[in-house]
Amino acid sequence: MTKIHYNRIKAVLAEKNVSSKDLAQHLGKTESTVSRWCTNDVQPAVEIFYQISEFLNVDIRELFVSTK
C-alpha cells in the first residue's frame, strides 16, 4: 500500500536549508515529533502549520501537497 503524503514539510526544510532540529527547537517540540511530521506519519495542527510557515518564511500553502 502506498503511503499518502499530505504535507511537504521535509521538502521545504531542505529547500530552505533548515534542519528539522532547528524547527523543533523553534517550536518547542521534540525532534521525534518533527520527524513524524516530515515522514507524514502524523500531521501537525493547523496552528502549527502556521508557525512553521512563519518560521520558514513561506506561504502556508507551500507546506501542503497540492490536490490539483
PDB file of N, CA and C in Angstrom:
ATOM      1  N   MET A   1       0.847  -1.177   0.000  1.00  0.00           N
ATOM      2  CA  MET A   1       0.000   0.000   0.000  1.00  0.00           C
ATOM      3  C   MET A   1       0.899   1.250   0.000  1.00  0.00           C
ATOM      4  N   THR A   2       0.586   2.188  -0.854  1.00  0.00           N
ATOM      5  CA  THR A   2       1.358   3.418  -0.972  1.00  0.00           C
ATOM      6  C   THR A   2       0.969   4.391   0.131  1.00  0.00           C
ATOM      7  N   LYS A   3       1.992   4.960   0.739  1.00  0.00           N
ATOM      8  CA  LYS A   3       1.766   5.934   1.794  1.00  0.00           C
ATOM      9  C   LYS A   3       1.358   7.266   1.171  1.00  0.00           C
ATOM     10  N   ILE A   4       0.334   7.883   1.691  1.00  0.00           N
ATOM     11  CA  ILE A   4      -0.138   9.171   1.185  1.00  0.00           C
ATOM     12  C   ILE A   4       0.650  10.285   1.851  1.00  0.00           C
ATOM     13  N   HIS A   5       1.129  11.213   1.030  1.00  0.00           N
ATOM     14  CA  HIS A   5       1.854  12.375   1.542  1.00  0.00           C
ATOM     15  C   HIS A   5       0.912  13.569   1.548  1.00  0.00           C
ATOM     16  N   TYR A   6       0.691  14.116   2.731  1.00  0.00           N
ATOM     17  CA  TYR A   6      -0.205  15.248   2.890  1.00  0.00           C
ATOM     18  C   TYR A   6       0.554  16.564   2.961  1.00  0.00           C
ATOM     19  N   ASN A   7       1.758  16.506   3.541  1.00  0.00           N
ATOM     20  CA  ASN A   7       2.498  17.754   3.699  1.00  0.00           C
ATOM     21  C   ASN A   7       3.860  17.669   3.031  1.00  0.00           C
ATOM     22  N   ARG A   8       4.469  18.841   2.835  1.00  0.00           N
ATOM     23  CA  ARG A   8       5.776  18.970   2.208  1.00  0.00           C
ATOM     24  C   ARG A   8       6.794  19.562   3.186  1.00  0.00           C
ATOM     25  N   ILE A   9       6.596  19.358   4.462  1.00  0.00           N
ATOM     26  CA  ILE A   9       7.472  19.974   5.454  1.00  0.00           C
ATOM     27  C   ILE A   9       8.924  19.587   5.198  1.00  0.00           C
ATOM     28  N   LYS A  10       9.191  18.317   4.985  1.00  0.00           N
ATOM     29  CA  LYS A  10      10.560  17.850   4.770  1.00  0.00           C
ATOM     30  C   LYS A  10      11.175  18.529   3.547  1.00  0.00           C
ATOM     31  N   ALA A  11      10.423  18.619   2.451  1.00  0.00           N
ATOM     32  CA  ALA A  11      10.927  19.234   1.218  1.00  0.00           C
ATOM     33  C   ALA A  11      11.211  20.716   1.414  1.00  0.00           C
ATOM     34  N   VAL A  12      10.323  21.420   2.104  1.00  0.00           N
ATOM     35  CA  VAL A  12      10.509  22.854   2.309  1.00  0.00           C
ATOM     36  C   VAL A  12      11.686  23.107   3.253  1.00  0.00           C
ATOM     37  N   LEU A  13      11.854  22.277   4.253  1.00  0.00           N
ATOM     38  CA  LEU A  13      13.034  22.400   5.119  1.00  0.00           C
ATOM     39  C   LEU A  13      14.311  22.277   4.283  1.00  0.00           C
ATOM     40  N   ALA A  14      14.345  21.307   3.374  1.00  0.00           N
ATOM     41  CA  ALA A  14      15.519  21.111   2.529  1.00  0.00           C
ATOM     42  C   ALA A  14      15.727  22.313   1.605  1.00  0.00           C
ATOM     43  N   GLU A  15      14.649  22.819   1.023  1.00  0.00           N
ATOM     44  CA  GLU A  15      14.740  23.979   0.134  1.00  0.00           C
ATOM     45  C   GLU A  15      15.298  25.197   0.856  1.00  0.00           C
ATOM     46  N   LYS A  16      14.960  25.338   2.123  1.00  0.00           N
ATOM     47  CA  LYS A  16      15.385  26.490   2.923  1.00  0.00           C
ATOM     48  C   LYS A  16      16.681  26.230   3.688  1.00  0.00           C
ATOM     49  N   ASN A  17      17.255  25.029   3.525  1.00  0.00           N
ATOM     50  CA  ASN A  17      18.477  24.648   4.244  1.00  0.00           C
ATOM     51  C   ASN A  17      18.333  24.809   5.755  1.00  0.00           C
ATOM     52  N   VAL A  18      17.197  24.352   6.258  1.00  0.00           N
ATOM     53  CA  VAL A  18      16.908  24.386   7.690  1.00  0.00           C
ATOM     54  C   VAL A  18      16.761  22.946   8.155  1.00  0.00           C
ATOM     55  N   SER A  19      17.337  22.624   9.283  1.00  0.00           N
ATOM     56  CA  SER A  19      17.232  21.259   9.792  1.00  0.00           C
ATOM     57  C   SER A  19      15.942  21.068  10.582  1.00  0.00           C
ATOM     58  N   SER A  20      15.540  19.832  10.685  1.00  0.00           N
ATOM     59  CA  SER A  20      14.363  19.517  11.491  1.00  0.00           C
ATOM     60  C   SER A  20      14.640  19.829  12.960  1.00  0.00           C
ATOM     61  N   LYS A  21      15.909  19.730  13.355  1.00  0.00           N
ATOM     62  CA  LYS A  21      16.294  20.073  14.723  1.00  0.00           C
ATOM     63  C   LYS A  21      16.058  21.561  14.988  1.00  0.00           C
ATOM     64  N   ASP A  22      16.412  22.416  14.017  1.00  0.00           N
ATOM     65  CA  ASP A  22      16.164  23.856  14.154  1.00  0.00           C
ATOM     66  C   ASP A  22      14.669  24.140  14.301  1.00  0.00           C
ATOM     67  N   LEU A  23      13.876  23.469  13.481  1.00  0.00           N
ATOM     68  CA  LEU A  23      12.426  23.655  13.547  1.00  0.00           C
ATOM     69  C   LEU A  23      11.888  23.196  14.892  1.00  0.00           C
ATOM     70  N   ALA A  24      12.340  22.056  15.356  1.00  0.00           N
ATOM     71  CA  ALA A  24      11.889  21.528  16.646  1.00  0.00           C
ATOM     72  C   ALA A  24      12.214  22.498  17.769  1.00  0.00           C
ATOM     73  N   GLN A  25      13.422  23.029  17.773  1.00  0.00           N
ATOM     74  CA  GLN A  25      13.821  23.984  18.812  1.00  0.00           C
ATOM     75  C   GLN A  25      12.965  25.241  18.755  1.00  0.00           C
ATOM     76  N   HIS A  26      12.715  25.736  17.548  1.00  0.00           N
ATOM     77  CA  HIS A  26      11.908  26.958  17.399  1.00  0.00           C
ATOM     78  C   HIS A  26      10.487  26.755  17.925  1.00  0.00           C
ATOM     79  N   LEU A  27       9.927  25.593  17.658  1.00  0.00           N
ATOM     80  CA  LEU A  27       8.540  25.318  18.048  1.00  0.00           C
ATOM     81  C   LEU A  27       8.408  24.781  19.473  1.00  0.00           C
ATOM     82  N   GLY A  28       9.530  24.418  20.078  1.00  0.00           N
ATOM     83  CA  GLY A  28       9.469  23.819  21.408  1.00  0.00           C
ATOM     84  C   GLY A  28       8.928  22.399  21.372  1.00  0.00           C
ATOM     85  N   LYS A  29       9.214  21.707  20.289  1.00  0.00           N
ATOM     86  CA  LYS A  29       8.771  20.314  20.111  1.00  0.00           C
ATOM     87  C   LYS A  29       9.994  19.404  20.115  1.00  0.00           C
ATOM     88  N   THR A  30       9.771  18.118  20.254  1.00  0.00           N
ATOM     89  CA  THR A  30      10.885  17.180  20.193  1.00  0.00           C
ATOM     90  C   THR A  30      11.254  16.924  18.731  1.00  0.00           C
ATOM     91  N   GLU A  31      12.493  16.497  18.546  1.00  0.00           N
ATOM     92  CA  GLU A  31      12.941  16.165  17.192  1.00  0.00           C
ATOM     93  C   GLU A  31      12.144  14.995  16.624  1.00  0.00           C
ATOM     94  N   SER A  32      11.748  14.071  17.488  1.00  0.00           N
ATOM     95  CA  SER A  32      10.978  12.920  17.006  1.00  0.00           C
ATOM     96  C   SER A  32       9.588  13.345  16.525  1.00  0.00           C
ATOM     97  N   THR A  33       9.003  14.344  17.153  1.00  0.00           N
ATOM     98  CA  THR A  33       7.702  14.852  16.705  1.00  0.00           C
ATOM     99  C   THR A  33       7.829  15.453  15.315  1.00  0.00           C
ATOM    100  N   VAL A  34       8.837  16.290  15.124  1.00  0.00           N
ATOM    101  CA  VAL A  34       9.051  16.913  13.812  1.00  0.00           C
ATOM    102  C   VAL A  34       9.371  15.843  12.769  1.00  0.00           C
ATOM    103  N   SER A  35      10.127  14.836  13.146  1.00  0.00           N
ATOM    104  CA  SER A  35      10.440  13.740  12.231  1.00  0.00           C
ATOM    105  C   SER A  35       9.173  13.034  11.765  1.00  0.00           C
ATOM    106  N   ARG A  36       8.248  12.817  12.675  1.00  0.00           N
ATOM    107  CA  ARG A  36       6.980  12.152  12.318  1.00  0.00           C
ATOM    108  C   ARG A  36       6.159  13.017  11.378  1.00  0.00           C
ATOM    109  N   TRP A  37       6.250  14.349  11.526  1.00  0.00           N
ATOM    110  CA  TRP A  37       5.574  15.248  10.577  1.00  0.00           C
ATOM    111  C   TRP A  37       6.227  15.131   9.205  1.00  0.00           C
ATOM    112  N   CYS A  38       7.562  15.122   9.193  1.00  0.00           N
ATOM    113  CA  CYS A  38       8.311  15.080   7.933  1.00  0.00           C
ATOM    114  C   CYS A  38       8.074  13.792   7.158  1.00  0.00           C
ATOM    115  N   THR A  39       7.812  12.709   7.856  1.00  0.00           N
ATOM    116  CA  THR A  39       7.560  11.431   7.192  1.00  0.00           C
ATOM    117  C   THR A  39       6.069  11.184   6.962  1.00  0.00           C
ATOM    118  N   ASN A  40       5.249  12.162   7.318  1.00  0.00           N
ATOM    119  CA  ASN A  40       3.801  12.083   7.141  1.00  0.00           C
ATOM    120  C   ASN A  40       3.159  10.964   7.947  1.00  0.00           C
ATOM    121  N   ASP A  41       3.815  10.566   9.038  1.00  0.00           N
ATOM    122  CA  ASP A  41       3.200   9.595   9.942  1.00  0.00           C
ATOM    123  C   ASP A  41       2.103  10.256  10.767  1.00  0.00           C
ATOM    124  N   VAL A  42       2.307  11.534  11.083  1.00  0.00           N
ATOM    125  CA  VAL A  42       1.378  12.336  11.879  1.00  0.00           C
ATOM    126  C   VAL A  42       1.340  13.718  11.258  1.00  0.00           C
ATOM    127  N   GLN A  43       0.189  14.375  11.344  1.00  0.00           N
ATOM    128  CA  GLN A  43       0.065  15.737  10.824  1.00  0.00           C
ATOM    129  C   GLN A  43      -0.060  16.717  11.985  1.00  0.00           C
ATOM    130  N   PRO A  44       0.666  17.836  11.904  1.00  0.00           N
ATOM    131  CA  PRO A  44       0.532  18.843  12.956  1.00  0.00           C
ATOM    132  C   PRO A  44      -0.799  19.577  12.852  1.00  0.00           C
ATOM    133  N   ALA A  45      -1.178  20.238  13.922  1.00  0.00           N
ATOM    134  CA  ALA A  45      -2.400  21.042  13.922  1.00  0.00           C
ATOM    135  C   ALA A  45      -2.227  22.236  12.983  1.00  0.00           C
ATOM    136  N   VAL A  46      -3.315  22.794  12.543  1.00  0.00           N
ATOM    137  CA  VAL A  46      -3.290  23.949  11.641  1.00  0.00           C
ATOM    138  C   VAL A  46      -2.467  25.085  12.233  1.00  0.00           C
ATOM    139  N   GLU A  47      -2.596  25.303  13.525  1.00  0.00           N
ATOM    140  CA  GLU A  47      -1.847  26.380  14.171  1.00  0.00           C
ATOM    141  C   GLU A  47      -0.341  26.147  14.051  1.00  0.00           C
ATOM    142  N   ILE A  48       0.069  24.891  14.120  1.00  0.00           N
ATOM    143  CA  ILE A  48       1.488  24.554  13.993  1.00  0.00           C
ATOM    144  C   ILE A  48       1.949  24.786  12.562  1.00  0.00           C
ATOM    145  N   PHE A  49       1.112  24.409  11.588  1.00  0.00           N
ATOM    146  CA  PHE A  49       1.455  24.689  10.192  1.00  0.00           C
ATOM    147  C   PHE A  49       1.694  26.189  10.005  1.00  0.00           C
ATOM    148  N   TYR A  50       0.871  27.010  10.624  1.00  0.00           N
ATOM    149  CA  TYR A  50       1.039  28.461  10.528  1.00  0.00           C
ATOM    150  C   TYR A  50       2.385  28.879  11.119  1.00  0.00           C
ATOM    151  N   GLN A  51       2.726  28.344  12.272  1.00  0.00           N
ATOM    152  CA  GLN A  51       4.001  28.679  12.909  1.00  0.00           C
ATOM    153  C   GLN A  51       5.185  28.219  12.054  1.00  0.00           C
ATOM    154  N   ILE A  52       5.044  27.057  11.433  1.00  0.00           N
ATOM    155  CA  ILE A  52       6.101  26.552  10.556  1.00  0.00           C
ATOM    156  C   ILE A  52       6.270  27.487   9.360  1.00  0.00           C
ATOM    157  N   SER A  53       5.163  27.901   8.758  1.00  0.00           N
ATOM    158  CA  SER A  53       5.244  28.787   7.595  1.00  0.00           C
ATOM    159  C   SER A  53       5.884  30.121   7.964  1.00  0.00           C
ATOM    160  N   GLU A  54       5.585  30.623   9.150  1.00  0.00           N
ATOM    161  CA  GLU A  54       6.193  31.873   9.607  1.00  0.00           C
ATOM    162  C   GLU A  54       7.700  31.686   9.810  1.00  0.00           C
ATOM    163  N   PHE A  55       8.082  30.599  10.437  1.00  0.00           N
ATOM    164  CA  PHE A  55       9.497  30.328  10.705  1.00  0.00           C
ATOM    165  C   PHE A  55      10.290  30.177   9.405  1.00  0.00           C
ATOM    166  N   LEU A  56       9.695  29.494   8.416  1.00  0.00           N
ATOM    167  CA  LEU A  56      10.389  29.252   7.153  1.00  0.00           C
ATOM    168  C   LEU A  56      10.179  30.380   6.138  1.00  0.00           C
ATOM    169  N   ASN A  57       9.345  31.342   6.496  1.00  0.00           N
ATOM    170  CA  ASN A  57       9.056  32.478   5.626  1.00  0.00           C
ATOM    171  C   ASN A  57       8.514  32.030   4.260  1.00  0.00           C
ATOM    172  N   VAL A  58       7.485  31.164   4.320  1.00  0.00           N
ATOM    173  CA  VAL A  58       6.828  30.680   3.108  1.00  0.00           C
ATOM    174  C   VAL A  58       5.317  30.814   3.283  1.00  0.00           C
ATOM    175  N   ASP A  59       4.622  30.837   2.163  1.00  0.00           N
ATOM    176  CA  ASP A  59       3.162  30.794   2.204  1.00  0.00           C
ATOM    177  C   ASP A  59       2.758  29.435   2.766  1.00  0.00           C
ATOM    178  N   ILE A  60       1.795  29.410   3.645  1.00  0.00           N
ATOM    179  CA  ILE A  60       1.384  28.156   4.292  1.00  0.00           C
ATOM    180  C   ILE A  60       0.997  27.091   3.268  1.00  0.00           C
ATOM    181  N   ARG A  61       0.494  27.508   2.116  1.00  0.00           N
ATOM    182  CA  ARG A  61       0.092  26.545   1.084  1.00  0.00           C
ATOM    183  C   ARG A  61       1.264  25.756   0.539  1.00  0.00           C
ATOM    184  N   GLU A  62       2.480  26.282   0.662  1.00  0.00           N
ATOM    185  CA  GLU A  62       3.661  25.564   0.184  1.00  0.00           C
ATOM    186  C   GLU A  62       3.967  24.342   1.048  1.00  0.00           C
ATOM    187  N   LEU A  63       3.385  24.290   2.238  1.00  0.00           N
ATOM    188  CA  LEU A  63       3.630  23.164   3.131  1.00  0.00           C
ATOM    189  C   LEU A  63       2.730  21.969   2.864  1.00  0.00           C
ATOM    190  N   PHE A  64       1.782  22.136   1.947  1.00  0.00           N
ATOM    191  CA  PHE A  64       0.834  21.061   1.644  1.00  0.00           C
ATOM    192  C   PHE A  64       1.045  20.529   0.240  1.00  0.00           C
ATOM    193  N   VAL A  65       0.712  19.263   0.046  1.00  0.00           N
ATOM    194  CA  VAL A  65       0.722  18.658  -1.276  1.00  0.00           C
ATOM    195  C   VAL A  65      -0.534  19.125  -1.995  1.00  0.00           C
ATOM    196  N   SER A  66      -0.355  19.634  -3.200  1.00  0.00           N
ATOM    197  CA  SER A  66      -1.488  20.155  -3.973  1.00  0.00           C
ATOM    198  C   SER A  66      -2.462  19.035  -4.339  1.00  0.00           C
ATOM    199  N   THR A  67      -3.733  19.366  -4.328  1.00  0.00           N
ATOM    200  CA  THR A  67      -4.755  18.398  -4.707  1.00  0.00           C
ATOM    201  C   THR A  67      -5.129  18.532  -6.173  1.00  0.00           C
ATOM    202  N   LYS A  68      -4.556  19.487  -6.839  1.00  0.00           N
ATOM    203  CA  LYS A  68      -4.858  19.714  -8.268  1.00  0.00           C
ATOM    204  C   LYS A  68      -3.658  19.412  -9.123  1.00  0.00           C
TER     205      LYS A  68
END
